[in-house]
Amino acid sequence: FTYLVAAMFSFESISCGYLYAIGPLFIYDNFHVNEGLIGLIYAVASGFASILTVLTVSPKGRELQRKYTRSPYNLYMSLIVTNVSCAGLLIPSFSVQCICIILIHGGIELFLAFMAELQGAITPSHDFAVLGPTSQLSRKIVSVIMSLTGPTVYKVFPRLPYVISTLLCFICTSGFIFCACKQQQNNAAVIASMISLNRSVREEESTEVAKQCRRMTLEYSECFARMADYVIKAESFDDDDAEARSNITSFTSMKTDSDGDEEEARTNGTNLTEMKTDSNEDEEAARSNGTNLTE
């Protein structure tokens, strides 16, 4: 899941790549506005995104998030807003274009802020040293690809870049939401499995705990699930160790019994040898008596 989180940073380039590559040209050709107004639209959009991000990560903003849009629902909301705004760029209206550009910038900035928090919370330090720079590098690579292909696609059909961008955004959003929901279910199952190791806990209580785990934020459930998985593996190791010790004890007992049987066999062999010796002496005495009788 940490690799998916790192890859999702490229969503910013997918949604905004064509917007930066052919967006000003699209507005100029279709609505015949001057260049200064186009620059003002993008400046307002960037300023709105920055202010919105600062307000969202402020103490009051975090309190509202915990109350209404806990993780991962804040991620879902920013993704959905960005998808709808990308689709709105296809509408031939200048006012709609302005609103969609502003909303795309705001949704993307919030998504990047939430995703950075998620990545920092769930990525181990030894993996973050690789995944952190890789996620940023993937953003730049996708941005370069979108910038290079934007003008060519624009020549084919002016709205085709926005169609492609909308489809890619929809695919990324659907895949991320599906994987995130699946990951939360897996995390709840792992935590319930750890709790079920305690024999005093009933199955109904374990199921109820699993339901409560699904209400956790994505960061907490991921961290708790990893700790629970560690506990389960440690318990399994202890069971295997106890079984190995039991096998060693049984083998030692079997070896002791085998040594006892071998000693008993040696004793029986000695007794058999003594009996054979006595039999030979008796036979020799009988022969001697037969010789005397003959004489």
C-alpha atoms as a PDB file:
ATOM      1  CA  PHE A   1       0.000   0.000   0.000  1.00  0.00           C
ATOM      2  CA  THR A   2       2.920   2.360   0.640  1.00  0.00           C
ATOM      3  CA  TYR A   3       3.962   1.964  -3.011  1.00  0.00           C
ATOM      4  CA  LEU A   4       0.468   2.924  -4.145  1.00  0.00           C
ATOM      5  CA  VAL A   5       0.604   6.032  -1.955  1.00  0.00           C
ATOM      6  CA  ALA A   6       3.939   6.998  -3.508  1.00  0.00           C
ATOM      7  CA  ALA A   7       2.579   6.463  -7.023  1.00  0.00           C
ATOM      8  CA  MET A   8      -0.520   8.561  -6.345  1.00  0.00           C
ATOM      9  CA  PHE A   9       1.593  11.720  -6.177  1.00  0.00           C
ATOM     10  CA  SER A  10       1.570  11.552  -9.975  1.00  0.00           C
ATOM     11  CA  PHE A  11      -2.156  12.346  -9.864  1.00  0.00           C
ATOM     12  CA  GLU A  12      -1.227  16.028  -9.632  1.00  0.00           C
ATOM     13  CA  SER A  13       0.598  15.865 -12.975  1.00  0.00           C
ATOM     14  CA  ILE A  14      -2.185  13.857 -14.594  1.00  0.00           C
ATOM     15  CA  SER A  15      -4.883  16.342 -13.656  1.00  0.00           C
ATOM     16  CA  CYS A  16      -2.881  19.567 -14.171  1.00  0.00           C
ATOM     17  CA  GLY A  17      -0.432  18.549 -16.910  1.00  0.00           C
ATOM     18  CA  TYR A  18      -2.660  19.419 -19.852  1.00  0.00           C
ATOM     19  CA  LEU A  19      -4.161  22.346 -17.938  1.00  0.00           C
ATOM     20  CA  TYR A  20      -0.751  24.008 -17.833  1.00  0.00           C
ATOM     21  CA  ALA A  21       0.347  22.811 -21.289  1.00  0.00           C
ATOM     22  CA  ILE A  22      -2.633  23.882 -23.420  1.00  0.00           C
ATOM     23  CA  GLY A  23      -5.017  25.557 -20.924  1.00  0.00           C
ATOM     24  CA  PRO A  24      -4.079  29.165 -21.694  1.00  0.00           C
ATOM     25  CA  LEU A  25      -4.131  28.473 -25.438  1.00  0.00           C
ATOM     26  CA  PHE A  26      -7.520  26.775 -25.140  1.00  0.00           C
ATOM     27  CA  ILE A  27      -9.005  29.770 -23.318  1.00  0.00           C
ATOM     28  CA  TYR A  28      -7.497  32.216 -25.793  1.00  0.00           C
ATOM     29  CA  ASP A  29      -8.711  30.348 -28.890  1.00  0.00           C
ATOM     30  CA  ASN A  30     -12.217  29.559 -27.646  1.00  0.00           C
ATOM     31  CA  PHE A  31     -13.150  32.640 -25.610  1.00  0.00           C
ATOM     32  CA  HIS A  32     -10.900  35.308 -27.164  1.00  0.00           C
ATOM     33  CA  VAL A  33      -9.755  36.903 -23.908  1.00  0.00           C
ATOM     34  CA  ASN A  34      -6.481  38.774 -23.522  1.00  0.00           C
ATOM     35  CA  GLU A  35      -3.368  37.240 -22.076  1.00  0.00           C
ATOM     36  CA  GLY A  36      -3.464  39.338 -18.915  1.00  0.00           C
ATOM     37  CA  LEU A  37      -6.836  37.929 -17.904  1.00  0.00           C
ATOM     38  CA  ILE A  38      -5.645  34.397 -18.504  1.00  0.00           C
ATOM     39  CA  GLY A  39      -2.641  34.972 -16.253  1.00  0.00           C
ATOM     40  CA  LEU A  40      -4.920  36.518 -13.621  1.00  0.00           C
ATOM     41  CA  ILE A  41      -7.143  33.408 -13.635  1.00  0.00           C
ATOM     42  CA  TYR A  42      -4.206  31.125 -12.951  1.00  0.00           C
ATOM     43  CA  ALA A  43      -2.819  33.468 -10.301  1.00  0.00           C
ATOM     44  CA  VAL A  44      -6.159  33.576  -8.482  1.00  0.00           C
ATOM     45  CA  ALA A  45      -6.384  29.780  -8.676  1.00  0.00           C
ATOM     46  CA  SER A  46      -2.909  29.344  -7.173  1.00  0.00           C
ATOM     47  CA  GLY A  47      -3.606  31.859  -4.429  1.00  0.00           C
ATOM     48  CA  PHE A  48      -6.926  30.213  -3.592  1.00  0.00           C
ATOM     49  CA  ALA A  49      -5.240  26.798  -3.375  1.00  0.00           C
ATOM     50  CA  SER A  50      -2.521  28.107  -1.054  1.00  0.00           C
ATOM     51  CA  ILE A  51      -4.966  29.848   1.279  1.00  0.00           C
ATOM     52  CA  LEU A  52      -7.244  26.803   1.350  1.00  0.00           C
ATOM     53  CA  THR A  53      -4.344  24.499   2.214  1.00  0.00           C
ATOM     54  CA  VAL A  54      -3.150  26.754   5.048  1.00  0.00           C
ATOM     55  CA  LEU A  55      -6.655  26.903   6.504  1.00  0.00           C
ATOM     56  CA  THR A  56      -7.108  23.156   6.199  1.00  0.00           C
ATOM     57  CA  VAL A  57      -3.890  22.238   8.047  1.00  0.00           C
ATOM     58  CA  SER A  58      -4.503  24.849  10.771  1.00  0.00           C
ATOM     59  CA  PRO A  59      -5.683  23.638  14.215  1.00  0.00           C
ATOM     60  CA  LYS A  60      -9.263  24.676  13.479  1.00  0.00           C
ATOM     61  CA  GLY A  61      -9.140  22.993  10.088  1.00  0.00           C
ATOM     62  CA  ARG A  62      -7.836  19.754  11.568  1.00  0.00           C
ATOM     63  CA  GLU A  63     -10.563  19.836  14.183  1.00  0.00           C
ATOM     64  CA  LEU A  64     -13.181  20.117  11.438  1.00  0.00           C
ATOM     65  CA  GLN A  65     -11.526  17.271   9.557  1.00  0.00           C
ATOM     66  CA  ARG A  66     -11.629  14.979  12.599  1.00  0.00           C
ATOM     67  CA  LYS A  67     -15.292  15.815  13.029  1.00  0.00           C
ATOM     68  CA  TYR A  68     -16.593  15.647   9.451  1.00  0.00           C
ATOM     69  CA  THR A  69     -14.011  14.306   6.973  1.00  0.00           C
ATOM     70  CA  ARG A  70     -11.597  11.954   8.681  1.00  0.00           C
ATOM     71  CA  SER A  71      -8.948  10.207   6.644  1.00  0.00           C
ATOM     72  CA  PRO A  72      -9.352   8.695   4.071  1.00  0.00           C
ATOM     73  CA  TYR A  73     -12.583  10.607   3.340  1.00  0.00           C
ATOM     74  CA  ASN A  74     -10.673  13.877   3.037  1.00  0.00           C
ATOM     75  CA  LEU A  75      -8.603  12.244   0.301  1.00  0.00           C
ATOM     76  CA  TYR A  76     -11.713  10.940  -1.412  1.00  0.00           C
ATOM     77  CA  MET A  77     -13.324  14.380  -1.337  1.00  0.00           C
ATOM     78  CA  SER A  78     -10.317  16.138  -2.858  1.00  0.00           C
ATOM     79  CA  LEU A  79     -10.070  13.473  -5.567  1.00  0.00           C
ATOM     80  CA  ILE A  80     -13.759  13.719  -6.440  1.00  0.00           C
ATOM     81  CA  VAL A  81     -13.658  17.528  -6.591  1.00  0.00           C
ATOM     82  CA  THR A  82     -10.669  17.352  -8.928  1.00  0.00           C
ATOM     83  CA  ASN A  83     -12.371  14.765 -11.157  1.00  0.00           C
ATOM     84  CA  VAL A  84     -15.563  16.788 -11.462  1.00  0.00           C
ATOM     85  CA  SER A  85     -13.584  19.960 -12.183  1.00  0.00           C
ATOM     86  CA  CYS A  86     -11.559  18.213 -14.903  1.00  0.00           C
ATOM     87  CA  ALA A  87     -14.790  17.075 -16.523  1.00  0.00           C
ATOM     88  CA  GLY A  88     -16.164  20.610 -16.219  1.00  0.00           C
ATOM     89  CA  LEU A  89     -13.365  21.923 -18.417  1.00  0.00           C
ATOM     90  CA  LEU A  90     -15.176  20.310 -21.352  1.00  0.00           C
ATOM     91  CA  ILE A  91     -18.122  22.684 -20.930  1.00  0.00           C
ATOM     92  CA  PRO A  92     -17.889  25.569 -23.451  1.00  0.00           C
ATOM     93  CA  SER A  93     -18.403  28.371 -20.943  1.00  0.00           C
ATOM     94  CA  PHE A  94     -15.797  30.911 -19.840  1.00  0.00           C
ATOM     95  CA  SER A  95     -17.193  31.253 -16.310  1.00  0.00           C
ATOM     96  CA  VAL A  96     -17.262  27.459 -15.905  1.00  0.00           C
ATOM     97  CA  GLN A  97     -13.670  27.312 -17.123  1.00  0.00           C
ATOM     98  CA  CYS A  98     -12.584  29.826 -14.489  1.00  0.00           C
ATOM     99  CA  ILE A  99     -14.410  28.013 -11.671  1.00  0.00           C
ATOM    100  CA  CYS A 100     -13.044  24.614 -12.710  1.00  0.00           C
ATOM    101  CA  ILE A 101      -9.459  25.894 -12.919  1.00  0.00           C
ATOM    102  CA  ILE A 102      -9.745  27.330  -9.407  1.00  0.00           C
ATOM    103  CA  LEU A 103     -11.300  24.138  -8.013  1.00  0.00           C
ATOM    104  CA  ILE A 104      -8.687  21.938  -9.679  1.00  0.00           C
ATOM    105  CA  HIS A 105      -5.892  23.906  -8.045  1.00  0.00           C
ATOM    106  CA  GLY A 106      -7.608  23.782  -4.657  1.00  0.00           C
ATOM    107  CA  GLY A 107      -8.404  20.069  -4.844  1.00  0.00           C
ATOM    108  CA  ILE A 108      -4.898  19.134  -5.971  1.00  0.00           C
ATOM    109  CA  GLU A 109      -3.162  21.168  -3.269  1.00  0.00           C
ATOM    110  CA  LEU A 110      -5.337  19.596  -0.576  1.00  0.00           C
ATOM    111  CA  PHE A 111      -4.766  16.143  -2.009  1.00  0.00           C
ATOM    112  CA  LEU A 112      -0.989  16.594  -1.997  1.00  0.00           C
ATOM    113  CA  ALA A 113      -1.066  17.864   1.600  1.00  0.00           C
ATOM    114  CA  PHE A 114      -3.186  14.927   2.795  1.00  0.00           C
ATOM    115  CA  MET A 115      -1.122  12.431   0.821  1.00  0.00           C
ATOM    116  CA  ALA A 116       2.145  13.779   2.242  1.00  0.00           C
ATOM    117  CA  GLU A 117       0.790  13.293   5.770  1.00  0.00           C
ATOM    118  CA  LEU A 118      -0.347   9.771   4.931  1.00  0.00           C
ATOM    119  CA  GLN A 119       2.983   8.832   3.378  1.00  0.00           C
ATOM    120  CA  GLY A 120       4.938  10.183   6.334  1.00  0.00           C
ATOM    121  CA  ALA A 121       2.724   8.296   8.796  1.00  0.00           C
ATOM    122  CA  ILE A 122       2.718   4.826   7.213  1.00  0.00           C
ATOM    123  CA  THR A 123       6.052   4.601   5.382  1.00  0.00           C
ATOM    124  CA  PRO A 124       8.967   3.126   7.389  1.00  0.00           C
ATOM    125  CA  SER A 125      12.095   5.255   7.532  1.00  0.00           C
ATOM    126  CA  HIS A 126      14.200   2.825   5.497  1.00  0.00           C
ATOM    127  CA  ASP A 127      11.541   2.764   2.745  1.00  0.00           C
ATOM    128  CA  PHE A 128      10.875   6.496   2.862  1.00  0.00           C
ATOM    129  CA  ALA A 129      14.492   7.170   1.897  1.00  0.00           C
ATOM    130  CA  VAL A 130      13.648   5.598  -1.480  1.00  0.00           C
ATOM    131  CA  LEU A 131       9.905   6.147  -1.892  1.00  0.00           C
ATOM    132  CA  GLY A 132       9.986   9.818  -0.889  1.00  0.00           C
ATOM    133  CA  PRO A 133      12.254  11.009  -3.732  1.00  0.00           C
ATOM    134  CA  THR A 134      10.768   8.445  -6.120  1.00  0.00           C
ATOM    135  CA  SER A 135       7.233   9.787  -5.666  1.00  0.00           C
ATOM    136  CA  GLN A 136       8.404  13.329  -6.452  1.00  0.00           C
ATOM    137  CA  LEU A 137      10.421  12.128  -9.423  1.00  0.00           C
ATOM    138  CA  SER A 138       7.406  10.271 -10.824  1.00  0.00           C
ATOM    139  CA  ARG A 139       5.403  13.511 -10.636  1.00  0.00           C
ATOM    140  CA  LYS A 140       7.978  15.300 -12.756  1.00  0.00           C
ATOM    141  CA  ILE A 141       8.228  12.478 -15.288  1.00  0.00           C
ATOM    142  CA  VAL A 142       4.457  12.394 -15.796  1.00  0.00           C
ATOM    143  CA  SER A 143       4.400  16.192 -16.026  1.00  0.00           C
ATOM    144  CA  VAL A 144       7.030  16.121 -18.775  1.00  0.00           C
ATOM    145  CA  ILE A 145       5.043  13.492 -20.697  1.00  0.00           C
ATOM    146  CA  MET A 146       1.829  15.498 -20.439  1.00  0.00           C
ATOM    147  CA  SER A 147       3.596  18.694 -21.521  1.00  0.00           C
ATOM    148  CA  LEU A 148       5.163  17.010 -24.550  1.00  0.00           C
ATOM    149  CA  THR A 149       1.998  15.311 -25.750  1.00  0.00           C
ATOM    150  CA  GLY A 150      -0.375  18.199 -24.968  1.00  0.00           C
ATOM    151  CA  PRO A 151       0.207  20.343 -28.081  1.00  0.00           C
ATOM    152  CA  THR A 152       0.069  17.313 -30.395  1.00  0.00           C
ATOM    153  CA  VAL A 153      -3.206  16.096 -28.914  1.00  0.00           C
ATOM    154  CA  TYR A 154      -4.582  19.655 -29.023  1.00  0.00           C
ATOM    155  CA  LYS A 155      -4.028  19.793 -32.782  1.00  0.00           C
ATOM    156  CA  VAL A 156      -6.126  16.647 -33.239  1.00  0.00           C
ATOM    157  CA  PHE A 157      -9.081  18.049 -31.294  1.00  0.00           C
ATOM    158  CA  PRO A 158      -8.991  21.042 -28.911  1.00  0.00           C
ATOM    159  CA  ARG A 159     -10.927  19.309 -26.111  1.00  0.00           C
ATOM    160  CA  LEU A 160      -9.208  15.928 -26.517  1.00  0.00           C
ATOM    161  CA  PRO A 161      -6.481  16.695 -23.902  1.00  0.00           C
ATOM    162  CA  TYR A 162      -9.173  17.381 -21.315  1.00  0.00           C
ATOM    163  CA  VAL A 163     -10.989  14.169 -22.275  1.00  0.00           C
ATOM    164  CA  ILE A 164      -7.811  12.147 -21.789  1.00  0.00           C
ATOM    165  CA  SER A 165      -7.026  13.916 -18.516  1.00  0.00           C
ATOM    166  CA  THR A 166     -10.538  13.299 -17.179  1.00  0.00           C
ATOM    167  CA  LEU A 167     -10.403   9.588 -18.039  1.00  0.00           C
ATOM    168  CA  LEU A 168      -6.994   9.141 -16.436  1.00  0.00           C
ATOM    169  CA  CYS A 169      -8.125  10.985 -13.307  1.00  0.00           C
ATOM    170  CA  PHE A 170     -11.204   8.786 -13.063  1.00  0.00           C
ATOM    171  CA  ILE A 171      -9.131   5.607 -13.384  1.00  0.00           C
ATOM    172  CA  CYS A 172      -6.624   6.742 -10.738  1.00  0.00           C
ATOM    173  CA  THR A 173      -9.374   7.835  -8.350  1.00  0.00           C
ATOM    174  CA  SER A 174     -11.362   4.613  -8.707  1.00  0.00           C
ATOM    175  CA  GLY A 175      -8.265   2.471  -8.238  1.00  0.00           C
ATOM    176  CA  PHE A 176      -7.085   4.386  -5.180  1.00  0.00           C
ATOM    177  CA  ILE A 177     -10.498   4.340  -3.455  1.00  0.00           C
ATOM    178  CA  PHE A 178     -10.883   0.615  -4.116  1.00  0.00           C
ATOM    179  CA  CYS A 179      -7.381  -0.207  -2.804  1.00  0.00           C
ATOM    180  CA  ALA A 180      -7.799   2.037   0.240  1.00  0.00           C
ATOM    181  CA  CYS A 181     -11.117   0.394   1.194  1.00  0.00           C
ATOM    182  CA  LYS A 182      -9.608  -3.053   0.671  1.00  0.00           C
ATOM    183  CA  GLN A 183      -6.610  -2.108   2.797  1.00  0.00           C
ATOM    184  CA  GLN A 184      -8.848  -0.935   5.637  1.00  0.00           C
ATOM    185  CA  GLN A 185     -10.715  -4.253   5.564  1.00  0.00           C
ATOM    186  CA  ASN A 186      -7.435  -6.180   5.663  1.00  0.00           C
ATOM    187  CA  ASN A 187      -6.176  -4.036   8.536  1.00  0.00           C
ATOM    188  CA  ALA A 188      -9.364  -4.669  10.524  1.00  0.00           C
ATOM    189  CA  ALA A 189      -9.030  -8.417   9.903  1.00  0.00           C
ATOM    190  CA  VAL A 190      -5.403  -8.428  11.111  1.00  0.00           C
ATOM    191  CA  ILE A 191      -6.288  -6.517  14.280  1.00  0.00           C
ATOM    192  CA  ALA A 192      -9.218  -8.867  14.959  1.00  0.00           C
ATOM    193  CA  SER A 193      -6.895 -11.859  14.487  1.00  0.00           C
ATOM    194  CA  MET A 194      -4.491 -10.460  17.046  1.00  0.00           C
ATOM    195  CA  ILE A 195      -7.309  -9.918  19.552  1.00  0.00           C
ATOM    196  CA  SER A 196      -8.621 -13.447  18.979  1.00  0.00           C
ATOM    197  CA  LEU A 197      -5.276 -14.815  20.229  1.00  0.00           C
ATOM    198  CA  ASN A 198      -6.549 -13.965  23.695  1.00  0.00           C
ATOM    199  CA  ARG A 199      -8.769 -16.935  24.505  1.00  0.00           C
ATOM    200  CA  SER A 200     -10.770 -14.932  27.014  1.00  0.00           C
ATOM    201  CA  VAL A 201     -12.115 -12.725  24.198  1.00  0.00           C
ATOM    202  CA  ARG A 202     -15.237 -14.050  22.537  1.00  0.00           C
ATOM    203  CA  GLU A 203     -15.720 -14.132  18.783  1.00  0.00           C
ATOM    204  CA  GLU A 204     -18.525 -11.553  18.958  1.00  0.00           C
ATOM    205  CA  GLU A 205     -16.250  -9.128  20.771  1.00  0.00           C
ATOM    206  CA  SER A 206     -13.510  -9.665  18.203  1.00  0.00           C
ATOM    207  CA  THR A 207     -15.974  -8.948  15.381  1.00  0.00           C
ATOM    208  CA  GLU A 208     -17.126  -5.769  17.102  1.00  0.00           C
ATOM    209  CA  VAL A 209     -13.545  -4.608  17.469  1.00  0.00           C
ATOM    210  CA  ALA A 210     -13.007  -5.220  13.741  1.00  0.00           C
ATOM    211  CA  LYS A 211     -15.976  -2.982  12.964  1.00  0.00           C
ATOM    212  CA  GLN A 212     -14.557  -0.276  15.211  1.00  0.00           C
ATOM    213  CA  CYS A 213     -11.207  -0.550  13.457  1.00  0.00           C
ATOM    214  CA  ARG A 214     -12.839   0.309  10.135  1.00  0.00           C
ATOM    215  CA  ARG A 215     -13.837   3.661  11.604  1.00  0.00           C
ATOM    216  CA  MET A 216     -10.232   4.561  12.366  1.00  0.00           C
ATOM    217  CA  THR A 217      -8.339   6.951  10.175  1.00  0.00           C
ATOM    218  CA  LEU A 218      -6.305   5.318   7.455  1.00  0.00           C
ATOM    219  CA  GLU A 219      -3.041   6.235   9.202  1.00  0.00           C
ATOM    220  CA  TYR A 220      -4.050   4.731  12.556  1.00  0.00           C
ATOM    221  CA  SER A 221      -5.482   1.539  11.088  1.00  0.00           C
ATOM    222  CA  GLU A 222      -2.373   0.986   8.983  1.00  0.00           C
ATOM    223  CA  CYS A 223      -0.006   1.497  11.940  1.00  0.00           C
ATOM    224  CA  PHE A 224      -2.087  -0.664  14.302  1.00  0.00           C
ATOM    225  CA  ALA A 225      -2.362  -3.410  11.693  1.00  0.00           C
ATOM    226  CA  ARG A 226       1.406  -3.538  11.299  1.00  0.00           C
ATOM    227  CA  MET A 227       1.893  -3.816  15.045  1.00  0.00           C
ATOM    228  CA  ALA A 228      -0.799  -6.509  15.205  1.00  0.00           C
ATOM    229  CA  ASP A 229       0.885  -8.425  12.390  1.00  0.00           C
ATOM    230  CA  TYR A 230       4.157  -8.277  14.329  1.00  0.00           C
ATOM    231  CA  VAL A 231       2.434  -9.661  17.444  1.00  0.00           C
ATOM    232  CA  ILE A 232       0.850 -12.491  15.421  1.00  0.00           C
ATOM    233  CA  LYS A 233       4.202 -13.424  13.881  1.00  0.00           C
ATOM    234  CA  ALA A 234       5.886 -13.323  17.296  1.00  0.00           C
ATOM    235  CA  GLU A 235       3.166 -15.565  18.752  1.00  0.00           C
ATOM    236  CA  SER A 236       3.546 -17.968  15.846  1.00  0.00           C
ATOM    237  CA  PHE A 237       7.312 -18.024  16.403  1.00  0.00           C
ATOM    238  CA  ASP A 238       6.800 -18.820  20.091  1.00  0.00           C
ATOM    239  CA  ASP A 239       4.437 -21.668  19.178  1.00  0.00           C
ATOM    240  CA  ASP A 240       6.955 -23.062  16.680  1.00  0.00           C
ATOM    241  CA  ASP A 241       9.722 -22.737  19.274  1.00  0.00           C
ATOM    242  CA  ALA A 242       7.650 -24.577  21.880  1.00  0.00           C
ATOM    243  CA  GLU A 243       6.855 -27.313  19.365  1.00  0.00           C
ATOM    244  CA  ALA A 244      10.533 -27.650  18.478  1.00  0.00           C
ATOM    245  CA  ARG A 245      11.453 -27.950  22.151  1.00  0.00           C
ATOM    246  CA  SER A 246       8.772 -30.594  22.602  1.00  0.00           C
ATOM    247  CA  ASN A 247      10.140 -32.517  19.626  1.00  0.00           C
ATOM    248  CA  ILE A 248      13.663 -32.321  21.064  1.00  0.00           C
ATOM    249  CA  THR A 249      12.411 -33.597  24.434  1.00  0.00           C
ATOM    250  CA  SER A 250      10.574 -36.477  22.758  1.00  0.00           C
ATOM    251  CA  PHE A 251      13.677 -37.355  20.717  1.00  0.00           C
ATOM    252  CA  THR A 252      15.815 -37.330  23.861  1.00  0.00           C
ATOM    253  CA  SER A 253      13.326 -39.593  25.612  1.00  0.00           C
ATOM    254  CA  MET A 254      13.272 -41.949  22.633  1.00  0.00           C
ATOM    255  CA  LYS A 255      17.070 -42.014  22.598  1.00  0.00           C
ATOM    256  CA  THR A 256      17.155 -42.836  26.310  1.00  0.00           C
ATOM    257  CA  ASP A 257      14.684 -45.677  25.783  1.00  0.00           C
ATOM    258  CA  SER A 258      16.775 -46.915  22.873  1.00  0.00           C
ATOM    259  CA  ASP A 259      19.913 -46.887  25.011  1.00  0.00           C
ATOM    260  CA  GLY A 260      18.045 -48.843  27.711  1.00  0.00           C
ATOM    261  CA  ASP A 261      16.889 -51.420  25.166  1.00  0.00           C
ATOM    262  CA  GLU A 262      20.416 -51.756  23.838  1.00  0.00           C
ATOM    263  CA  GLU A 263      21.796 -52.305  27.334  1.00  0.00           C
ATOM    264  CA  GLU A 264      19.121 -54.912  27.996  1.00  0.00           C
ATOM    265  CA  ALA A 265      20.007 -56.660  24.738  1.00  0.00           C
ATOM    266  CA  ARG A 266      23.657 -56.733  25.749  1.00  0.00           C
ATOM    267  CA  THR A 267      22.715 -58.257  29.106  1.00  0.00           C
ATOM    268  CA  ASN A 268      20.592 -60.891  27.392  1.00  0.00           C
ATOM    269  CA  GLY A 269      23.467 -61.639  25.039  1.00  0.00           C
ATOM    270  CA  THR A 270      25.836 -62.115  27.988  1.00  0.00           C
ATOM    271  CA  ASN A 271      23.362 -64.433  29.712  1.00  0.00           C
ATOM    272  CA  LEU A 272      22.936 -66.388  26.488  1.00  0.00           C
ATOM    273  CA  THR A 273      26.730 -66.792  26.209  1.00  0.00           C
ATOM    274  CA  GLU A 274      26.952 -68.008  29.790  1.00  0.00           C
ATOM    275  CA  MET A 275      24.124 -70.483  29.171  1.00  0.00           C
ATOM    276  CA  LYS A 276      25.932 -71.745  26.051  1.00  0.00           C
ATOM    277  CA  THR A 277      29.138 -72.186  28.049  1.00  0.00           C
ATOM    278  CA  ASP A 278      27.300 -74.159  30.729  1.00  0.00           C
ATOM    279  CA  SER A 279      25.724 -76.321  28.024  1.00  0.00           C
ATOM    280  CA  ASN A 280      29.125 -77.080  26.533  1.00  0.00           C
ATOM    281  CA  GLU A 281      30.480 -78.051  29.967  1.00  0.00           C
ATOM    282  CA  ASP A 282      27.503 -80.357  30.557  1.00  0.00           C
ATOM    283  CA  GLU A 283      28.056 -81.968  27.179  1.00  0.00           C
ATOM    284  CA  GLU A 284      31.745 -82.471  27.928  1.00  0.00           C
ATOM    285  CA  ALA A 285      30.864 -84.069  31.290  1.00  0.00           C
ATOM    286  CA  ALA A 286      28.377 -86.392  29.584  1.00  0.00           C
ATOM    287  CA  ARG A 287      31.009 -87.495  27.111  1.00  0.00           C
ATOM    288  CA  SER A 288      33.438 -88.140  29.934  1.00  0.00           C
ATOM    289  CA  ASN A 289      30.868 -90.244  31.788  1.00  0.00           C
ATOM    290  CA  GLY A 290      30.125 -92.188  28.608  1.00  0.00           C
ATOM    291  CA  THR A 291      33.811 -92.992  28.205  1.00  0.00           C
ATOM    292  CA  ASN A 292      34.138 -94.151  31.780  1.00  0.00           C
ATOM    293  CA  LEU A 293      31.042 -96.339  31.396  1.00  0.00           C
ATOM    294  CA  THR A 294      32.518 -97.922  28.266  1.00  0.00           C
ATOM    295  CA  GLU A 295      35.799 -98.692  30.070  1.00  0.00           C
END
